[in-house]
PDB file of N, CA and C in Angstrom:
ATOM      1  N   MET A   1      -8.724  50.311 -37.993  1.00  0.00           N
ATOM      2  CA  MET A   1      -9.826  50.275 -38.936  1.00  0.00           C
ATOM      3  C   MET A   1     -10.287  48.837 -39.192  1.00  0.00           C
ATOM      4  N   ASN A   2      -9.344  47.901 -39.225  1.00  0.00           N
ATOM      5  CA  ASN A   2      -9.705  46.497 -39.455  1.00  0.00           C
ATOM      6  C   ASN A   2     -10.527  45.942 -38.297  1.00  0.00           C
ATOM      7  N   VAL A   3     -10.260  46.401 -37.086  1.00  0.00           N
ATOM      8  CA  VAL A   3     -11.011  45.926 -35.920  1.00  0.00           C
ATOM      9  C   VAL A   3     -12.461  46.388 -36.008  1.00  0.00           C
ATOM     10  N   LEU A   4     -12.680  47.595 -36.488  1.00  0.00           N
ATOM     11  CA  LEU A   4     -14.036  48.118 -36.642  1.00  0.00           C
ATOM     12  C   LEU A   4     -14.813  47.308 -37.670  1.00  0.00           C
ATOM     13  N   ILE A   5     -14.207  46.984 -38.773  1.00  0.00           N
ATOM     14  CA  ILE A   5     -14.868  46.179 -39.809  1.00  0.00           C
ATOM     15  C   ILE A   5     -15.179  44.784 -39.277  1.00  0.00           C
ATOM     16  N   LEU A   6     -14.242  44.202 -38.558  1.00  0.00           N
ATOM     17  CA  LEU A   6     -14.467  42.882 -37.978  1.00  0.00           C
ATOM     18  C   LEU A   6     -15.594  42.909 -36.947  1.00  0.00           C
ATOM     19  N   THR A   7     -15.647  43.953 -36.136  1.00  0.00           N
ATOM     20  CA  THR A   7     -16.698  44.079 -35.127  1.00  0.00           C
ATOM     21  C   THR A   7     -18.073  44.228 -35.772  1.00  0.00           C
ATOM     22  N   VAL A   8     -18.163  45.046 -36.804  1.00  0.00           N
ATOM     23  CA  VAL A   8     -19.439  45.229 -37.504  1.00  0.00           C
ATOM     24  C   VAL A   8     -19.856  43.934 -38.178  1.00  0.00           C
ATOM     25  N   PHE A   9     -18.920  43.246 -38.788  1.00  0.00           N
ATOM     26  CA  PHE A   9     -19.234  41.979 -39.448  1.00  0.00           C
ATOM     27  C   PHE A   9     -19.752  40.946 -38.454  1.00  0.00           C
ATOM     28  N   LEU A  10     -19.081  40.794 -37.332  1.00  0.00           N
ATOM     29  CA  LEU A  10     -19.513  39.818 -36.335  1.00  0.00           C
ATOM     30  C   LEU A  10     -20.862  40.188 -35.720  1.00  0.00           C
ATOM     31  N   SER A  11     -21.101  41.464 -35.484  1.00  0.00           N
ATOM     32  CA  SER A  11     -22.387  41.860 -34.917  1.00  0.00           C
ATOM     33  C   SER A  11     -23.523  41.615 -35.906  1.00  0.00           C
ATOM     34  N   LEU A  12     -23.277  41.882 -37.188  1.00  0.00           N
ATOM     35  CA  LEU A  12     -24.308  41.583 -38.191  1.00  0.00           C
ATOM     36  C   LEU A  12     -24.531  40.084 -38.325  1.00  0.00           C
ATOM     37  N   LEU A  13     -23.484  39.308 -38.224  1.00  0.00           N
ATOM     38  CA  LEU A  13     -23.612  37.854 -38.277  1.00  0.00           C
ATOM     39  C   LEU A  13     -24.436  37.332 -37.104  1.00  0.00           C
ATOM     40  N   LEU A  14     -24.146  37.809 -35.906  1.00  0.00           N
ATOM     41  CA  LEU A  14     -24.905  37.374 -34.735  1.00  0.00           C
ATOM     42  C   LEU A  14     -26.361  37.822 -34.797  1.00  0.00           C
ATOM     43  N   ALA A  15     -26.605  39.031 -35.276  1.00  0.00           N
ATOM     44  CA  ALA A  15     -27.979  39.524 -35.395  1.00  0.00           C
ATOM     45  C   ALA A  15     -28.764  38.705 -36.414  1.00  0.00           C
ATOM     46  N   SER A  16     -28.135  38.360 -37.524  1.00  0.00           N
ATOM     47  CA  SER A  16     -28.839  37.572 -38.533  1.00  0.00           C
ATOM     48  C   SER A  16     -29.086  36.141 -38.043  1.00  0.00           C
ATOM     49  N   LEU A  17     -28.152  35.579 -37.283  1.00  0.00           N
ATOM     50  CA  LEU A  17     -28.379  34.251 -36.715  1.00  0.00           C
ATOM     51  C   LEU A  17     -29.526  34.265 -35.713  1.00  0.00           C
ATOM     52  N   PHE A  18     -29.579  35.284 -34.879  1.00  0.00           N
ATOM     53  CA  PHE A  18     -30.681  35.405 -33.932  1.00  0.00           C
ATOM     54  C   PHE A  18     -32.009  35.506 -34.669  1.00  0.00           C
ATOM     55  N   LEU A  19     -32.069  36.326 -35.699  1.00  0.00           N
ATOM     56  CA  LEU A  19     -33.302  36.491 -36.461  1.00  0.00           C
ATOM     57  C   LEU A  19     -33.702  35.189 -37.144  1.00  0.00           C
ATOM     58  N   LEU A  20     -32.736  34.485 -37.706  1.00  0.00           N
ATOM     59  CA  LEU A  20     -33.017  33.219 -38.364  1.00  0.00           C
ATOM     60  C   LEU A  20     -33.579  32.192 -37.386  1.00  0.00           C
ATOM     61  N   PHE A  21     -32.944  32.047 -36.228  1.00  0.00           N
ATOM     62  CA  PHE A  21     -33.423  31.079 -35.242  1.00  0.00           C
ATOM     63  C   PHE A  21     -34.772  31.483 -34.661  1.00  0.00           C
ATOM     64  N   PHE A  22     -35.001  32.778 -34.494  1.00  0.00           N
ATOM     65  CA  PHE A  22     -36.281  33.246 -33.970  1.00  0.00           C
ATOM     66  C   PHE A  22     -37.414  32.931 -34.937  1.00  0.00           C
ATOM     67  N   VAL A  23     -37.212  33.234 -36.209  1.00  0.00           N
ATOM     68  CA  VAL A  23     -38.251  32.974 -37.208  1.00  0.00           C
ATOM     69  C   VAL A  23     -38.483  31.477 -37.362  1.00  0.00           C
ATOM     70  N   ARG A  24     -37.423  30.704 -37.333  1.00  0.00           N
ATOM     71  CA  ARG A  24     -37.559  29.254 -37.456  1.00  0.00           C
ATOM     72  C   ARG A  24     -38.346  28.669 -36.285  1.00  0.00           C
ATOM     73  N   GLU A  25     -38.089  29.137 -35.082  1.00  0.00           N
ATOM     74  CA  GLU A  25     -38.800  28.623 -33.920  1.00  0.00           C
ATOM     75  C   GLU A  25     -40.268  29.031 -33.934  1.00  0.00           C
ATOM     76  N   ARG A  26     -40.567  30.230 -34.394  1.00  0.00           N
ATOM     77  CA  ARG A  26     -41.960  30.679 -34.460  1.00  0.00           C
ATOM     78  C   ARG A  26     -42.738  29.887 -35.505  1.00  0.00           C
ATOM     79  N   ARG A  27     -42.086  29.483 -36.594  1.00  0.00           N
ATOM     80  CA  ARG A  27     -42.780  28.712 -37.629  1.00  0.00           C
ATOM     81  C   ARG A  27     -43.008  27.270 -37.205  1.00  0.00           C
ATOM     82  N   THR A  28     -42.053  26.670 -36.519  1.00  0.00           N
ATOM     83  CA  THR A  28     -42.173  25.262 -36.159  1.00  0.00           C
ATOM     84  C   THR A  28     -42.890  25.051 -34.839  1.00  0.00           C
ATOM     85  N   GLN A  29     -43.291  26.125 -34.187  1.00  0.00           N
ATOM     86  CA  GLN A  29     -43.928  25.986 -32.880  1.00  0.00           C
ATOM     87  C   GLN A  29     -45.283  25.303 -33.010  1.00  0.00           C
ATOM     88  N   GLY A  30     -46.016  25.603 -34.059  1.00  0.00           N
ATOM     89  CA  GLY A  30     -47.266  24.895 -34.335  1.00  0.00           C
ATOM     90  C   GLY A  30     -48.385  25.226 -33.373  1.00  0.00           C
ATOM     91  N   LEU A  31     -48.558  24.414 -32.342  1.00  0.00           N
ATOM     92  CA  LEU A  31     -49.721  24.533 -31.466  1.00  0.00           C
ATOM     93  C   LEU A  31     -49.654  25.724 -30.534  1.00  0.00           C
ATOM     94  N   GLY A  32     -48.494  26.156 -30.165  1.00  0.00           N
ATOM     95  CA  GLY A  32     -48.370  27.284 -29.262  1.00  0.00           C
ATOM     96  C   GLY A  32     -47.467  26.970 -28.097  1.00  0.00           C
ATOM     97  N   SER A  33     -47.182  27.987 -27.354  1.00  0.00           N
ATOM     98  CA  SER A  33     -46.297  27.824 -26.206  1.00  0.00           C
ATOM     99  C   SER A  33     -47.109  27.432 -24.971  1.00  0.00           C
ATOM    100  N   PRO A  34     -46.455  26.947 -23.937  1.00  0.00           N
ATOM    101  CA  PRO A  34     -47.187  26.603 -22.704  1.00  0.00           C
ATOM    102  C   PRO A  34     -47.896  27.806 -22.092  1.00  0.00           C
ATOM    103  N   GLU A  35     -47.327  28.990 -22.257  1.00  0.00           N
ATOM    104  CA  GLU A  35     -47.986  30.183 -21.725  1.00  0.00           C
ATOM    105  C   GLU A  35     -49.299  30.452 -22.454  1.00  0.00           C
ATOM    106  N   GLN A  36     -49.308  30.254 -23.775  1.00  0.00           N
ATOM    107  CA  GLN A  36     -50.538  30.466 -24.529  1.00  0.00           C
ATOM    108  C   GLN A  36     -51.561  29.376 -24.215  1.00  0.00           C
ATOM    109  N   ASP A  37     -51.101  28.150 -24.032  1.00  0.00           N
ATOM    110  CA  ASP A  37     -52.013  27.059 -23.700  1.00  0.00           C
ATOM    111  C   ASP A  37     -52.634  27.247 -22.323  1.00  0.00           C
ATOM    112  N   ALA A  38     -51.905  27.849 -21.397  1.00  0.00           N
ATOM    113  CA  ALA A  38     -52.433  28.075 -20.057  1.00  0.00           C
ATOM    114  C   ALA A  38     -53.570  29.097 -20.076  1.00  0.00           C
ATOM    115  N   LEU A  39     -53.568  30.011 -21.036  1.00  0.00           N
ATOM    116  CA  LEU A  39     -54.613  31.030 -21.116  1.00  0.00           C
ATOM    117  C   LEU A  39     -55.799  30.595 -21.974  1.00  0.00           C
ATOM    118  N   ARG A  40     -55.724  29.444 -22.592  1.00  0.00           N
ATOM    119  CA  ARG A  40     -56.778  28.989 -23.489  1.00  0.00           C
ATOM    120  C   ARG A  40     -58.151  28.833 -22.821  1.00  0.00           C
ATOM    121  N   PRO A  41     -58.281  28.428 -21.538  1.00  0.00           N
ATOM    122  CA  PRO A  41     -59.619  28.334 -20.934  1.00  0.00           C
ATOM    123  C   PRO A  41     -60.358  29.667 -20.887  1.00  0.00           C
ATOM    124  N   PHE A  42     -59.656  30.771 -20.943  1.00  0.00           N
ATOM    125  CA  PHE A  42     -60.300  32.080 -20.894  1.00  0.00           C
ATOM    126  C   PHE A  42     -60.841  32.519 -22.247  1.00  0.00           C
ATOM    127  N   ASP A  43     -60.582  31.747 -23.317  1.00  0.00           N
ATOM    128  CA  ASP A  43     -61.075  32.111 -24.639  1.00  0.00           C
ATOM    129  C   ASP A  43     -62.594  32.088 -24.714  1.00  0.00           C
ATOM    130  N   SER A  44     -63.236  31.195 -23.975  1.00  0.00           N
ATOM    131  CA  SER A  44     -64.685  31.043 -24.076  1.00  0.00           C
ATOM    132  C   SER A  44     -65.444  32.055 -23.219  1.00  0.00           C
ATOM    133  N   GLU A  45     -64.762  32.774 -22.343  1.00  0.00           N
ATOM    134  CA  GLU A  45     -65.449  33.737 -21.474  1.00  0.00           C
ATOM    135  C   GLU A  45     -65.775  35.011 -22.229  1.00  0.00           C
ATOM    136  N   ILE A  46     -66.902  35.600 -21.846  1.00  0.00           N
ATOM    137  CA  ILE A  46     -67.300  36.877 -22.421  1.00  0.00           C
ATOM    138  C   ILE A  46     -66.798  37.970 -21.484  1.00  0.00           C
ATOM    139  N   PRO A  47     -66.013  38.918 -22.019  1.00  0.00           N
ATOM    140  CA  PRO A  47     -65.494  39.962 -21.137  1.00  0.00           C
ATOM    141  C   PRO A  47     -66.621  40.858 -20.615  1.00  0.00           C
ATOM    142  N   LYS A  48     -66.510  41.218 -19.360  1.00  0.00           N
ATOM    143  CA  LYS A  48     -67.508  42.082 -18.733  1.00  0.00           C
ATOM    144  C   LYS A  48     -66.980  43.505 -18.707  1.00  0.00           C
ATOM    145  N   ASN A  49     -67.834  44.438 -18.966  1.00  0.00           N
ATOM    146  CA  ASN A  49     -67.453  45.840 -18.953  1.00  0.00           C
ATOM    147  C   ASN A  49     -67.425  46.327 -17.505  1.00  0.00           C
ATOM    148  N   ALA A  50     -66.299  46.838 -17.056  1.00  0.00           N
ATOM    149  CA  ALA A  50     -66.144  47.247 -15.657  1.00  0.00           C
ATOM    150  C   ALA A  50     -66.949  48.502 -15.354  1.00  0.00           C
ATOM    151  N   LEU A  51     -67.205  49.323 -16.356  1.00  0.00           N
ATOM    152  CA  LEU A  51     -67.927  50.560 -16.117  1.00  0.00           C
ATOM    153  C   LEU A  51     -69.442  50.377 -16.161  1.00  0.00           C
ATOM    154  N   HIS A  52     -69.897  49.306 -16.759  1.00  0.00           N
ATOM    155  CA  HIS A  52     -71.334  49.071 -16.881  1.00  0.00           C
ATOM    156  C   HIS A  52     -71.853  48.393 -15.627  1.00  0.00           C
ATOM    157  N   ARG A  53     -72.807  49.037 -14.947  1.00  0.00           N
ATOM    158  CA  ARG A  53     -73.340  48.474 -13.686  1.00  0.00           C
ATOM    159  C   ARG A  53     -74.781  48.126 -13.823  1.00  0.00           C
TER     160      ARG A  53
END
């Protein structure tokens, strides 16, 4: 029974650490990731409707 409690405690600890680091990184990212910056030139394009001929 003690092993089960220890396992649940450690899994909750790891999950909360992951969530904390994830939220912290998303807040401090600021300008965006390189993947988002690579797609920025497409922001000014007007999407074309594929069905409209």
